[in-house]
C-alpha cells in the first residue's frame, strides 16, 4: 500500500498462487484514508463496501459486467500513475521480483530498503 505521492506505507507478503485480494482485508481496517485508488482486480463487492463503510471514496474502475454501477472519477484514477510507477521501479529490482530471499523477514526488509532507495 502506498500513499498519494507513491511512497510505501504498508507491505504485506501474500503467497504467489493466490488472488491479489487475499491480503486486502487486514490492510483496510486500521488505515486512515480519504480515498483508495486501486486497479480493476480489486473491484470486488466486499472491498468496495468496506471502503465505503469507512467513509472513503472508492477510486476503482468497474468491471463491465457489474450490476450495481457506482460513480467513478476517472481524473482521480489518472493520478494513480505515481503509484504504478513506484511498483514498476520496485519490481525492476531482480531480488524482489524473483523473491529470492529465504525468509519473509529478509524479503520484507529488502522491500523496505528498495522503497527507501526509490524515494530518495
PDB file of N, CA and C in Angstrom:
ATOM      1  N   UNK A   1       0.848  -1.155   0.000  1.00  0.00           N
ATOM      2  CA  UNK A   1       0.000   0.000   0.000  1.00  0.00           C
ATOM      3  C   UNK A   1       0.906   1.233   0.000  1.00  0.00           C
ATOM      4  N   UNK A   2       0.568   2.192  -0.850  1.00  0.00           N
ATOM      5  CA  UNK A   2       1.339   3.433  -0.933  1.00  0.00           C
ATOM      6  C   UNK A   2       0.434   4.626  -0.658  1.00  0.00           C
ATOM      7  N   UNK A   3       1.040   5.758  -0.364  1.00  0.00           N
ATOM      8  CA  UNK A   3       0.261   6.981  -0.210  1.00  0.00           C
ATOM      9  C   UNK A   3       0.145   7.666  -1.571  1.00  0.00           C
ATOM     10  N   UNK A   4      -0.450   8.853  -1.602  1.00  0.00           N
ATOM     11  CA  UNK A   4      -0.711   9.540  -2.872  1.00  0.00           C
ATOM     12  C   UNK A   4       0.537   9.829  -3.692  1.00  0.00           C
ATOM     13  N   UNK A   5       1.658  10.278  -3.099  1.00  0.00           N
ATOM     14  CA  UNK A   5       2.849  10.518  -3.920  1.00  0.00           C
ATOM     15  C   UNK A   5       3.577   9.243  -4.344  1.00  0.00           C
ATOM     16  N   UNK A   6       3.135   8.081  -3.891  1.00  0.00           N
ATOM     17  CA  UNK A   6       3.773   6.830  -4.285  1.00  0.00           C
ATOM     18  C   UNK A   6       4.816   6.333  -3.311  1.00  0.00           C
ATOM     19  N   UNK A   7       4.749   6.736  -2.042  1.00  0.00           N
ATOM     20  CA  UNK A   7       5.680   6.246  -1.026  1.00  0.00           C
ATOM     21  C   UNK A   7       5.087   5.018  -0.342  1.00  0.00           C
ATOM     22  N   UNK A   8       5.907   4.034  -0.082  1.00  0.00           N
ATOM     23  CA  UNK A   8       5.441   2.807   0.554  1.00  0.00           C
ATOM     24  C   UNK A   8       4.958   3.096   1.970  1.00  0.00           C
ATOM     25  N   UNK A   9       3.726   2.669   2.268  1.00  0.00           N
ATOM     26  CA  UNK A   9       3.149   2.856   3.595  1.00  0.00           C
ATOM     27  C   UNK A   9       3.098   1.532   4.336  1.00  0.00           C
ATOM     28  N   UNK A  10       2.589   0.503   3.673  1.00  0.00           N
ATOM     29  CA  UNK A  10       2.491  -0.824   4.277  1.00  0.00           C
ATOM     30  C   UNK A  10       2.892  -1.867   3.257  1.00  0.00           C
ATOM     31  N   UNK A  11       3.452  -2.940   3.768  1.00  0.00           N
ATOM     32  CA  UNK A  11       3.869  -4.043   2.903  1.00  0.00           C
ATOM     33  C   UNK A  11       3.376  -5.347   3.517  1.00  0.00           C
ATOM     34  N   UNK A  12       2.713  -6.166   2.723  1.00  0.00           N
ATOM     35  CA  UNK A  12       2.263  -7.479   3.161  1.00  0.00           C
ATOM     36  C   UNK A  12       2.630  -8.482   2.085  1.00  0.00           C
ATOM     37  N   UNK A  13       3.234  -9.560   2.486  1.00  0.00           N
ATOM     38  CA  UNK A  13       3.576 -10.604   1.526  1.00  0.00           C
ATOM     39  C   UNK A  13       2.454 -11.623   1.503  1.00  0.00           C
ATOM     40  N   UNK A  14       1.962 -11.930   0.303  1.00  0.00           N
ATOM     41  CA  UNK A  14       0.941 -12.955   0.145  1.00  0.00           C
ATOM     42  C   UNK A  14       1.517 -14.049  -0.735  1.00  0.00           C
ATOM     43  N   UNK A  15       0.994 -15.269  -0.625  1.00  0.00           N
ATOM     44  CA  UNK A  15       1.500 -16.355  -1.460  1.00  0.00           C
ATOM     45  C   UNK A  15       1.324 -16.037  -2.943  1.00  0.00           C
ATOM     46  N   UNK A  16       2.237 -16.502  -3.754  1.00  0.00           N
ATOM     47  CA  UNK A  16       2.240 -16.181  -5.175  1.00  0.00           C
ATOM     48  C   UNK A  16       1.107 -16.780  -5.975  1.00  0.00           C
ATOM     49  N   UNK A  17       0.521 -17.873  -5.508  1.00  0.00           N
ATOM     50  CA  UNK A  17      -0.533 -18.530  -6.263  1.00  0.00           C
ATOM     51  C   UNK A  17      -1.929 -18.124  -5.795  1.00  0.00           C
ATOM     52  N   UNK A  18      -2.070 -17.002  -5.140  1.00  0.00           N
ATOM     53  CA  UNK A  18      -3.367 -16.547  -4.657  1.00  0.00           C
ATOM     54  C   UNK A  18      -3.743 -15.244  -5.346  1.00  0.00           C
ATOM     55  N   UNK A  19      -5.037 -14.930  -5.273  1.00  0.00           N
ATOM     56  CA  UNK A  19      -5.519 -13.674  -5.833  1.00  0.00           C
ATOM     57  C   UNK A  19      -4.948 -12.501  -5.051  1.00  0.00           C
ATOM     58  N   UNK A  20      -4.888 -11.336  -5.673  1.00  0.00           N
ATOM     59  CA  UNK A  20      -4.389 -10.133  -5.004  1.00  0.00           C
ATOM     60  C   UNK A  20      -5.277  -9.709  -3.845  1.00  0.00           C
ATOM     61  N   UNK A  21      -6.554 -10.085  -3.893  1.00  0.00           N
ATOM     62  CA  UNK A  21      -7.489  -9.646  -2.861  1.00  0.00           C
ATOM     63  C   UNK A  21      -7.289 -10.361  -1.528  1.00  0.00           C
ATOM     64  N   UNK A  22      -6.444 -11.384  -1.472  1.00  0.00           N
ATOM     65  CA  UNK A  22      -6.221 -12.138  -0.236  1.00  0.00           C
ATOM     66  C   UNK A  22      -5.646 -11.247   0.855  1.00  0.00           C
ATOM     67  N   UNK A  23      -4.733 -10.380   0.545  1.00  0.00           N
ATOM     68  CA  UNK A  23      -4.075  -9.558   1.551  1.00  0.00           C
ATOM     69  C   UNK A  23      -4.735  -8.225   1.829  1.00  0.00           C
ATOM     70  N   UNK A  24      -5.926  -7.986   1.288  1.00  0.00           N
ATOM     71  CA  UNK A  24      -6.552  -6.676   1.416  1.00  0.00           C
ATOM     72  C   UNK A  24      -7.254  -6.484   2.759  1.00  0.00           C
ATOM     73  N   UNK A  25      -7.993  -7.468   3.221  1.00  0.00           N
ATOM     74  CA  UNK A  25      -8.829  -7.311   4.427  1.00  0.00           C
ATOM     75  C   UNK A  25      -8.054  -6.824   5.645  1.00  0.00           C
ATOM     76  N   UNK A  26      -6.915  -7.414   5.995  1.00  0.00           N
ATOM     77  CA  UNK A  26      -6.216  -6.899   7.175  1.00  0.00           C
ATOM     78  C   UNK A  26      -5.631  -5.502   6.973  1.00  0.00           C
ATOM     79  N   UNK A  27      -5.434  -5.078   5.746  1.00  0.00           N
ATOM     80  CA  UNK A  27      -4.851  -3.765   5.481  1.00  0.00           C
ATOM     81  C   UNK A  27      -5.889  -2.644   5.500  1.00  0.00           C
ATOM     82  N   UNK A  28      -7.160  -2.959   5.305  1.00  0.00           N
ATOM     83  CA  UNK A  28      -8.183  -1.916   5.263  1.00  0.00           C
ATOM     84  C   UNK A  28      -8.600  -1.440   6.648  1.00  0.00           C
ATOM     85  N   UNK A  29      -8.561  -2.304   7.642  1.00  0.00           N
ATOM     86  CA  UNK A  29      -9.127  -1.975   8.951  1.00  0.00           C
ATOM     87  C   UNK A  29      -8.432  -0.820   9.668  1.00  0.00           C
ATOM     88  N   UNK A  30      -7.143  -0.866   9.959  1.00  0.00           N
ATOM     89  CA  UNK A  30      -6.556   0.195  10.783  1.00  0.00           C
ATOM     90  C   UNK A  30      -6.081   1.423  10.006  1.00  0.00           C
ATOM     91  N   UNK A  31      -6.369   1.501   8.731  1.00  0.00           N
ATOM     92  CA  UNK A  31      -5.821   2.570   7.906  1.00  0.00           C
ATOM     93  C   UNK A  31      -6.770   3.762   7.847  1.00  0.00           C
ATOM     94  N   UNK A  32      -6.214   4.949   7.926  1.00  0.00           N
ATOM     95  CA  UNK A  32      -6.991   6.173   7.819  1.00  0.00           C
ATOM     96  C   UNK A  32      -6.728   6.778   6.443  1.00  0.00           C
ATOM     97  N   UNK A  33      -7.733   6.766   5.578  1.00  0.00           N
ATOM     98  CA  UNK A  33      -7.581   7.321   4.237  1.00  0.00           C
ATOM     99  C   UNK A  33      -8.898   7.951   3.804  1.00  0.00           C
ATOM    100  N   UNK A  34      -8.801   8.931   2.891  1.00  0.00           N
ATOM    101  CA  UNK A  34      -9.994   9.575   2.354  1.00  0.00           C
ATOM    102  C   UNK A  34     -10.442   8.936   1.055  1.00  0.00           C
ATOM    103  N   UNK A  35      -9.493   8.456   0.281  1.00  0.00           N
ATOM    104  CA  UNK A  35      -9.837   7.759  -0.961  1.00  0.00           C
ATOM    105  C   UNK A  35      -8.830   6.647  -1.181  1.00  0.00           C
ATOM    106  N   UNK A  36      -9.297   5.596  -1.802  1.00  0.00           N
ATOM    107  CA  UNK A  36      -8.435   4.446  -2.031  1.00  0.00           C
ATOM    108  C   UNK A  36      -8.449   4.096  -3.511  1.00  0.00           C
ATOM    109  N   UNK A  37      -7.406   4.462  -4.252  1.00  0.00           N
ATOM    110  CA  UNK A  37      -7.328   4.056  -5.652  1.00  0.00           C
ATOM    111  C   UNK A  37      -6.776   2.638  -5.759  1.00  0.00           C
ATOM    112  N   UNK A  38      -7.329   1.891  -6.671  1.00  0.00           N
ATOM    113  CA  UNK A  38      -6.858   0.526  -6.911  1.00  0.00           C
ATOM    114  C   UNK A  38      -7.205   0.157  -8.344  1.00  0.00           C
ATOM    115  N   UNK A  39      -6.621  -0.914  -8.837  1.00  0.00           N
ATOM    116  CA  UNK A  39      -6.938  -1.304 -10.204  1.00  0.00           C
ATOM    117  C   UNK A  39      -8.161  -2.217 -10.228  1.00  0.00           C
ATOM    118  N   UNK A  40      -8.558  -2.612 -11.412  1.00  0.00           N
ATOM    119  CA  UNK A  40      -9.803  -3.344 -11.623  1.00  0.00           C
ATOM    120  C   UNK A  40      -9.851  -4.686 -10.893  1.00  0.00           C
ATOM    121  N   UNK A  41      -8.718  -5.270 -10.585  1.00  0.00           N
ATOM    122  CA  UNK A  41      -8.704  -6.553  -9.872  1.00  0.00           C
ATOM    123  C   UNK A  41      -9.343  -6.435  -8.495  1.00  0.00           C
ATOM    124  N   UNK A  42      -9.369  -5.238  -7.931  1.00  0.00           N
ATOM    125  CA  UNK A  42      -9.923  -5.032  -6.597  1.00  0.00           C
ATOM    126  C   UNK A  42     -11.372  -4.561  -6.627  1.00  0.00           C
ATOM    127  N   UNK A  43     -12.036  -4.650  -7.779  1.00  0.00           N
ATOM    128  CA  UNK A  43     -13.454  -4.309  -7.884  1.00  0.00           C
ATOM    129  C   UNK A  43     -14.277  -5.513  -7.435  1.00  0.00           C
ATOM    130  N   UNK A  44     -14.260  -5.743  -6.135  1.00  0.00           N
ATOM    131  CA  UNK A  44     -14.983  -6.853  -5.511  1.00  0.00           C
ATOM    132  C   UNK A  44     -15.945  -6.230  -4.508  1.00  0.00           C
ATOM    133  N   UNK A  45     -17.151  -6.803  -4.395  1.00  0.00           N
ATOM    134  CA  UNK A  45     -18.174  -6.202  -3.540  1.00  0.00           C
ATOM    135  C   UNK A  45     -17.685  -5.940  -2.119  1.00  0.00           C
ATOM    136  N   UNK A  46     -17.075  -6.929  -1.485  1.00  0.00           N
ATOM    137  CA  UNK A  46     -16.713  -6.767  -0.070  1.00  0.00           C
ATOM    138  C   UNK A  46     -15.631  -5.707   0.128  1.00  0.00           C
ATOM    139  N   UNK A  47     -14.758  -5.532  -0.859  1.00  0.00           N
ATOM    140  CA  UNK A  47     -13.735  -4.488  -0.740  1.00  0.00           C
ATOM    141  C   UNK A  47     -14.368  -3.107  -0.903  1.00  0.00           C
ATOM    142  N   UNK A  48     -15.220  -2.955  -1.898  1.00  0.00           N
ATOM    143  CA  UNK A  48     -15.884  -1.673  -2.141  1.00  0.00           C
ATOM    144  C   UNK A  48     -16.744  -1.286  -0.940  1.00  0.00           C
ATOM    145  N   UNK A  49     -17.497  -2.245  -0.381  1.00  0.00           N
ATOM    146  CA  UNK A  49     -18.348  -1.950   0.775  1.00  0.00           C
ATOM    147  C   UNK A  49     -17.518  -1.616   2.009  1.00  0.00           C
ATOM    148  N   UNK A  50     -16.389  -2.283   2.193  1.00  0.00           N
ATOM    149  CA  UNK A  50     -15.526  -1.998   3.351  1.00  0.00           C
ATOM    150  C   UNK A  50     -14.934  -0.594   3.254  1.00  0.00           C
ATOM    151  N   UNK A  51     -14.574  -0.176   2.049  1.00  0.00           N
ATOM    152  CA  UNK A  51     -14.025   1.173   1.865  1.00  0.00           C
ATOM    153  C   UNK A  51     -15.106   2.220   2.121  1.00  0.00           C
ATOM    154  N   UNK A  52     -16.299   1.980   1.587  1.00  0.00           N
ATOM    155  CA  UNK A  52     -17.405   2.925   1.793  1.00  0.00           C
ATOM    156  C   UNK A  52     -17.820   2.996   3.262  1.00  0.00           C
ATOM    157  N   UNK A  53     -17.753   1.867   3.972  1.00  0.00           N
ATOM    158  CA  UNK A  53     -18.132   1.847   5.390  1.00  0.00           C
ATOM    159  C   UNK A  53     -17.220   2.741   6.223  1.00  0.00           C
ATOM    160  N   UNK A  54     -15.993   2.942   5.766  1.00  0.00           N
ATOM    161  CA  UNK A  54     -15.065   3.819   6.478  1.00  0.00           C
ATOM    162  C   UNK A  54     -15.211   5.277   6.050  1.00  0.00           C
ATOM    163  N   UNK A  55     -16.139   5.537   5.137  1.00  0.00           N
ATOM    164  CA  UNK A  55     -16.377   6.908   4.697  1.00  0.00           C
ATOM    165  C   UNK A  55     -15.394   7.401   3.650  1.00  0.00           C
ATOM    166  N   UNK A  56     -14.712   6.494   2.997  1.00  0.00           N
ATOM    167  CA  UNK A  56     -13.720   6.869   1.989  1.00  0.00           C
ATOM    168  C   UNK A  56     -14.326   6.779   0.592  1.00  0.00           C
ATOM    169  N   UNK A  57     -13.708   7.476  -0.328  1.00  0.00           N
ATOM    170  CA  UNK A  57     -14.118   7.465  -1.726  1.00  0.00           C
ATOM    171  C   UNK A  57     -13.445   6.289  -2.436  1.00  0.00           C
ATOM    172  N   UNK A  58     -14.222   5.528  -3.179  1.00  0.00           N
ATOM    173  CA  UNK A  58     -13.698   4.381  -3.918  1.00  0.00           C
ATOM    174  C   UNK A  58     -13.268   4.854  -5.299  1.00  0.00           C
ATOM    175  N   UNK A  59     -12.002   4.651  -5.636  1.00  0.00           N
ATOM    176  CA  UNK A  59     -11.470   5.040  -6.942  1.00  0.00           C
ATOM    177  C   UNK A  59     -10.959   3.774  -7.616  1.00  0.00           C
ATOM    178  N   UNK A  60     -11.912   2.935  -8.031  1.00  0.00           N
ATOM    179  CA  UNK A  60     -11.589   1.664  -8.672  1.00  0.00           C
ATOM    180  C   UNK A  60     -12.411   1.578  -9.952  1.00  0.00           C
ATOM    181  N   UNK A  61     -11.776   1.389 -11.117  1.00  0.00           N
ATOM    182  CA  UNK A  61     -12.565   1.203 -12.333  1.00  0.00           C
ATOM    183  C   UNK A  61     -13.372  -0.085 -12.221  1.00  0.00           C
ATOM    184  N   UNK A  62     -14.597  -0.048 -12.707  1.00  0.00           N
ATOM    185  CA  UNK A  62     -15.502  -1.171 -12.505  1.00  0.00           C
ATOM    186  C   UNK A  62     -15.446  -2.150 -13.662  1.00  0.00           C
ATOM    187  N   UNK A  63     -15.736  -3.404 -13.322  1.00  0.00           N
ATOM    188  CA  UNK A  63     -15.852  -4.428 -14.355  1.00  0.00           C
ATOM    189  C   UNK A  63     -17.055  -4.093 -15.236  1.00  0.00           C
ATOM    190  N   UNK A  64     -16.994  -4.475 -16.492  1.00  0.00           N
ATOM    191  CA  UNK A  64     -18.080  -4.148 -17.416  1.00  0.00           C
ATOM    192  C   UNK A  64     -19.366  -4.894 -17.083  1.00  0.00           C
ATOM    193  N   UNK A  65     -19.272  -6.029 -16.383  1.00  0.00           N
ATOM    194  CA  UNK A  65     -20.463  -6.813 -16.067  1.00  0.00           C
ATOM    195  C   UNK A  65     -21.014  -6.516 -14.667  1.00  0.00           C
ATOM    196  N   UNK A  66     -20.567  -5.456 -14.030  1.00  0.00           N
ATOM    197  CA  UNK A  66     -21.037  -5.109 -12.682  1.00  0.00           C
ATOM    198  C   UNK A  66     -22.467  -4.585 -12.772  1.00  0.00           C
ATOM    199  N   UNK A  67     -23.366  -5.134 -11.951  1.00  0.00           N
ATOM    200  CA  UNK A  67     -24.771  -4.746 -11.997  1.00  0.00           C
ATOM    201  C   UNK A  67     -25.044  -3.441 -11.255  1.00  0.00           C
ATOM    202  N   UNK A  68     -24.469  -3.278 -10.072  1.00  0.00           N
ATOM    203  CA  UNK A  68     -24.704  -2.057  -9.300  1.00  0.00           C
ATOM    204  C   UNK A  68     -23.568  -1.067  -9.555  1.00  0.00           C
ATOM    205  N   UNK A  69     -23.712  -0.308 -10.628  1.00  0.00           N
ATOM    206  CA  UNK A  69     -22.688   0.654 -11.026  1.00  0.00           C
ATOM    207  C   UNK A  69     -22.645   1.816 -10.037  1.00  0.00           C
ATOM    208  N   UNK A  70     -21.446   2.298  -9.754  1.00  0.00           N
ATOM    209  CA  UNK A  70     -21.281   3.469  -8.889  1.00  0.00           C
ATOM    210  C   UNK A  70     -20.540   4.539  -9.671  1.00  0.00           C
ATOM    211  N   UNK A  71     -20.672   5.784  -9.241  1.00  0.00           N
ATOM    212  CA  UNK A  71     -19.938   6.841  -9.935  1.00  0.00           C
ATOM    213  C   UNK A  71     -18.430   6.636  -9.805  1.00  0.00           C
ATOM    214  N   UNK A  72     -17.724   6.932 -10.872  1.00  0.00           N
ATOM    215  CA  UNK A  72     -16.279   6.711 -10.912  1.00  0.00           C
ATOM    216  C   UNK A  72     -15.607   7.974 -11.423  1.00  0.00           C
ATOM    217  N   UNK A  73     -14.618   8.453 -10.708  1.00  0.00           N
ATOM    218  CA  UNK A  73     -13.892   9.667 -11.084  1.00  0.00           C
ATOM    219  C   UNK A  73     -12.619   9.279 -11.832  1.00  0.00           C
ATOM    220  N   UNK A  74     -12.659   9.372 -13.141  1.00  0.00           N
ATOM    221  CA  UNK A  74     -11.516   8.996 -13.964  1.00  0.00           C
ATOM    222  C   UNK A  74     -10.307   9.892 -13.767  1.00  0.00           C
ATOM    223  N   UNK A  75     -10.548  11.164 -13.447  1.00  0.00           N
ATOM    224  CA  UNK A  75      -9.432  12.094 -13.224  1.00  0.00           C
ATOM    225  C   UNK A  75      -8.631  11.701 -11.988  1.00  0.00           C
ATOM    226  N   UNK A  76      -9.324  11.269 -10.943  1.00  0.00           N
ATOM    227  CA  UNK A  76      -8.619  10.799  -9.747  1.00  0.00           C
ATOM    228  C   UNK A  76      -7.824   9.538 -10.045  1.00  0.00           C
ATOM    229  N   UNK A  77      -8.387   8.673 -10.877  1.00  0.00           N
ATOM    230  CA  UNK A  77      -7.701   7.422 -11.191  1.00  0.00           C
ATOM    231  C   UNK A  77      -6.441   7.679 -12.008  1.00  0.00           C
ATOM    232  N   UNK A  78      -6.429   8.722 -12.831  1.00  0.00           N
ATOM    233  CA  UNK A  78      -5.227   9.046 -13.605  1.00  0.00           C
ATOM    234  C   UNK A  78      -4.063   9.424 -12.701  1.00  0.00           C
ATOM    235  N   UNK A  79      -4.372   9.938 -11.518  1.00  0.00           N
ATOM    236  CA  UNK A  79      -3.319  10.287 -10.559  1.00  0.00           C
ATOM    237  C   UNK A  79      -2.623   9.041 -10.011  1.00  0.00           C
ATOM    238  N   UNK A  80      -3.199   7.889 -10.245  1.00  0.00           N
ATOM    239  CA  UNK A  80      -2.610   6.630  -9.756  1.00  0.00           C
ATOM    240  C   UNK A  80      -1.331   6.266 -10.493  1.00  0.00           C
ATOM    241  N   UNK A  81      -0.999   6.974 -11.534  1.00  0.00           N
ATOM    242  CA  UNK A  81       0.208   6.637 -12.286  1.00  0.00           C
ATOM    243  C   UNK A  81       1.456   6.725 -11.417  1.00  0.00           C
ATOM    244  N   UNK A  82       1.451   7.595 -10.410  1.00  0.00           N
ATOM    245  CA  UNK A  82       2.590   7.678  -9.491  1.00  0.00           C
ATOM    246  C   UNK A  82       2.757   6.376  -8.715  1.00  0.00           C
ATOM    247  N   UNK A  83       1.643   5.812  -8.319  1.00  0.00           N
ATOM    248  CA  UNK A  83       1.681   4.546  -7.584  1.00  0.00           C
ATOM    249  C   UNK A  83       2.152   3.429  -8.507  1.00  0.00           C
ATOM    250  N   UNK A  84       1.636   3.401  -9.727  1.00  0.00           N
ATOM    251  CA  UNK A  84       2.046   2.372 -10.684  1.00  0.00           C
ATOM    252  C   UNK A  84       3.533   2.485 -11.006  1.00  0.00           C
ATOM    253  N   UNK A  85       4.026   3.706 -11.139  1.00  0.00           N
ATOM    254  CA  UNK A  85       5.459   3.898 -11.408  1.00  0.00           C
ATOM    255  C   UNK A  85       6.306   3.374 -10.260  1.00  0.00           C
ATOM    256  N   UNK A  86       5.836   3.585  -9.025  1.00  0.00           N
ATOM    257  CA  UNK A  86       6.575   3.076  -7.868  1.00  0.00           C
ATOM    258  C   UNK A  86       6.708   1.558  -7.961  1.00  0.00           C
ATOM    259  N   UNK A  87       5.600   0.869  -8.241  1.00  0.00           N
ATOM    260  CA  UNK A  87       5.657  -0.588  -8.284  1.00  0.00           C
ATOM    261  C   UNK A  87       6.453  -1.098  -9.485  1.00  0.00           C
ATOM    262  N   UNK A  88       6.442  -0.369 -10.590  1.00  0.00           N
ATOM    263  CA  UNK A  88       7.276  -0.770 -11.732  1.00  0.00           C
ATOM    264  C   UNK A  88       8.754  -0.665 -11.390  1.00  0.00           C
ATOM    265  N   UNK A  89       9.144   0.414 -10.724  1.00  0.00           N
ATOM    266  CA  UNK A  89      10.541   0.556 -10.300  1.00  0.00           C
ATOM    267  C   UNK A  89      10.896  -0.504  -9.267  1.00  0.00           C
ATOM    268  N   UNK A  90       9.951  -0.777  -8.396  1.00  0.00           N
ATOM    269  CA  UNK A  90      10.160  -1.748  -7.322  1.00  0.00           C
ATOM    270  C   UNK A  90      10.392  -3.150  -7.890  1.00  0.00           C
ATOM    271  N   UNK A  91       9.574  -3.531  -8.867  1.00  0.00           N
ATOM    272  CA  UNK A  91       9.688  -4.869  -9.450  1.00  0.00           C
ATOM    273  C   UNK A  91      10.858  -4.990 -10.413  1.00  0.00           C
ATOM    274  N   UNK A  92      11.456  -3.871 -10.789  1.00  0.00           N
ATOM    275  CA  UNK A  92      12.627  -3.923 -11.666  1.00  0.00           C
ATOM    276  C   UNK A  92      13.846  -4.465 -10.928  1.00  0.00           C
ATOM    277  N   UNK A  93      13.816  -4.435  -9.622  1.00  0.00           N
ATOM    278  CA  UNK A  93      14.918  -4.987  -8.833  1.00  0.00           C
ATOM    279  C   UNK A  93      14.812  -6.509  -8.833  1.00  0.00           C
ATOM    280  N   UNK A  94      15.822  -7.166  -9.327  1.00  0.00           N
ATOM    281  CA  UNK A  94      15.778  -8.608  -9.560  1.00  0.00           C
ATOM    282  C   UNK A  94      15.494  -9.406  -8.291  1.00  0.00           C
ATOM    283  N   UNK A  95      16.116  -9.033  -7.195  1.00  0.00           N
ATOM    284  CA  UNK A  95      15.970  -9.798  -5.958  1.00  0.00           C
ATOM    285  C   UNK A  95      14.530  -9.756  -5.441  1.00  0.00           C
ATOM    286  N   UNK A  96      13.847  -8.653  -5.662  1.00  0.00           N
ATOM    287  CA  UNK A  96      12.459  -8.540  -5.224  1.00  0.00           C
ATOM    288  C   UNK A  96      11.530  -9.233  -6.205  1.00  0.00           C
ATOM    289  N   UNK A  97      11.763  -9.060  -7.491  1.00  0.00           N
ATOM    290  CA  UNK A  97      10.900  -9.664  -8.499  1.00  0.00           C
ATOM    291  C   UNK A  97      10.914 -11.183  -8.421  1.00  0.00           C
ATOM    292  N   UNK A  98      12.074 -11.754  -8.107  1.00  0.00           N
ATOM    293  CA  UNK A  98      12.181 -13.215  -8.060  1.00  0.00           C
ATOM    294  C   UNK A  98      11.927 -13.784  -6.667  1.00  0.00           C
ATOM    295  N   UNK A  99      11.746 -12.927  -5.672  1.00  0.00           N
ATOM    296  CA  UNK A  99      11.534 -13.361  -4.284  1.00  0.00           C
ATOM    297  C   UNK A  99      12.608 -14.348  -3.853  1.00  0.00           C
ATOM    298  N   UNK A 100      13.846 -13.961  -4.037  1.00  0.00           N
ATOM    299  CA  UNK A 100      14.952 -14.886  -3.790  1.00  0.00           C
ATOM    300  C   UNK A 100      15.407 -14.937  -2.338  1.00  0.00           C
ATOM    301  N   UNK A 101      14.784 -14.185  -1.440  1.00  0.00           N
ATOM    302  CA  UNK A 101      15.148 -14.259  -0.027  1.00  0.00           C
ATOM    303  C   UNK A 101      14.548 -15.512   0.598  1.00  0.00           C
ATOM    304  N   UNK A 102      15.243 -16.066   1.562  1.00  0.00           N
ATOM    305  CA  UNK A 102      14.782 -17.307   2.180  1.00  0.00           C
ATOM    306  C   UNK A 102      13.662 -17.098   3.187  1.00  0.00           C
ATOM    307  N   UNK A 103      13.698 -16.008   3.900  1.00  0.00           N
ATOM    308  CA  UNK A 103      12.692 -15.792   4.942  1.00  0.00           C
ATOM    309  C   UNK A 103      11.815 -14.594   4.602  1.00  0.00           C
ATOM    310  N   UNK A 104      10.620 -14.592   5.172  1.00  0.00           N
ATOM    311  CA  UNK A 104       9.706 -13.464   4.968  1.00  0.00           C
ATOM    312  C   UNK A 104      10.280 -12.180   5.545  1.00  0.00           C
ATOM    313  N   UNK A 105      10.990 -12.318   6.643  1.00  0.00           N
ATOM    314  CA  UNK A 105      11.552 -11.139   7.307  1.00  0.00           C
ATOM    315  C   UNK A 105      12.614 -10.459   6.437  1.00  0.00           C
ATOM    316  N   UNK A 106      13.490 -11.241   5.828  1.00  0.00           N
ATOM    317  CA  UNK A 106      14.517 -10.638   4.973  1.00  0.00           C
ATOM    318  C   UNK A 106      13.902 -10.083   3.684  1.00  0.00           C
ATOM    319  N   UNK A 107      12.854 -10.731   3.180  1.00  0.00           N
ATOM    320  CA  UNK A 107      12.159 -10.230   1.997  1.00  0.00           C
ATOM    321  C   UNK A 107      11.486  -8.889   2.307  1.00  0.00           C
ATOM    322  N   UNK A 108      10.853  -8.795   3.473  1.00  0.00           N
ATOM    323  CA  UNK A 108      10.226  -7.534   3.878  1.00  0.00           C
ATOM    324  C   UNK A 108      11.280  -6.445   4.049  1.00  0.00           C
ATOM    325  N   UNK A 109      12.415  -6.813   4.616  1.00  0.00           N
ATOM    326  CA  UNK A 109      13.499  -5.845   4.778  1.00  0.00           C
ATOM    327  C   UNK A 109      14.005  -5.329   3.447  1.00  0.00           C
ATOM    328  N   UNK A 110      14.150  -6.220   2.466  1.00  0.00           N
ATOM    329  CA  UNK A 110      14.590  -5.793   1.134  1.00  0.00           C
ATOM    330  C   UNK A 110      13.563  -4.872   0.485  1.00  0.00           C
ATOM    331  N   UNK A 111      12.272  -5.159   0.692  1.00  0.00           N
ATOM    332  CA  UNK A 111      11.233  -4.299   0.136  1.00  0.00           C
ATOM    333  C   UNK A 111      11.287  -2.903   0.733  1.00  0.00           C
ATOM    334  N   UNK A 112      11.475  -2.820   2.032  1.00  0.00           N
ATOM    335  CA  UNK A 112      11.551  -1.507   2.671  1.00  0.00           C
ATOM    336  C   UNK A 112      12.824  -0.764   2.265  1.00  0.00           C
ATOM    337  N   UNK A 113      13.916  -1.486   2.121  1.00  0.00           N
ATOM    338  CA  UNK A 113      15.166  -0.866   1.672  1.00  0.00           C
ATOM    339  C   UNK A 113      15.026  -0.347   0.240  1.00  0.00           C
ATOM    340  N   UNK A 114      14.420  -1.159  -0.620  1.00  0.00           N
ATOM    341  CA  UNK A 114      14.211  -0.733  -2.010  1.00  0.00           C
ATOM    342  C   UNK A 114      13.297   0.487  -2.075  1.00  0.00           C
ATOM    343  N   UNK A 115      12.260   0.510  -1.247  1.00  0.00           N
ATOM    344  CA  UNK A 115      11.348   1.660  -1.228  1.00  0.00           C
ATOM    345  C   UNK A 115      12.078   2.921  -0.784  1.00  0.00           C
ATOM    346  N   UNK A 116      12.959   2.784   0.186  1.00  0.00           N
ATOM    347  CA  UNK A 116      13.726   3.946   0.652  1.00  0.00           C
ATOM    348  C   UNK A 116      14.667   4.457  -0.434  1.00  0.00           C
ATOM    349  N   UNK A 117      15.275   3.542  -1.171  1.00  0.00           N
ATOM    350  CA  UNK A 117      16.187   3.938  -2.248  1.00  0.00           C
ATOM    351  C   UNK A 117      15.419   4.597  -3.395  1.00  0.00           C
ATOM    352  N   UNK A 118      14.270   4.030  -3.748  1.00  0.00           N
ATOM    353  CA  UNK A 118      13.466   4.585  -4.838  1.00  0.00           C
ATOM    354  C   UNK A 118      12.989   5.989  -4.499  1.00  0.00           C
ATOM    355  N   UNK A 119      12.584   6.205  -3.262  1.00  0.00           N
ATOM    356  CA  UNK A 119      12.024   7.503  -2.865  1.00  0.00           C
ATOM    357  C   UNK A 119      13.068   8.534  -2.484  1.00  0.00           C
ATOM    358  N   UNK A 120      14.353   8.147  -2.481  1.00  0.00           N
ATOM    359  CA  UNK A 120      15.379   9.125  -2.101  1.00  0.00           C
ATOM    360  C   UNK A 120      15.864   9.927  -3.295  1.00  0.00           C
TER     361      UNK A 120
END
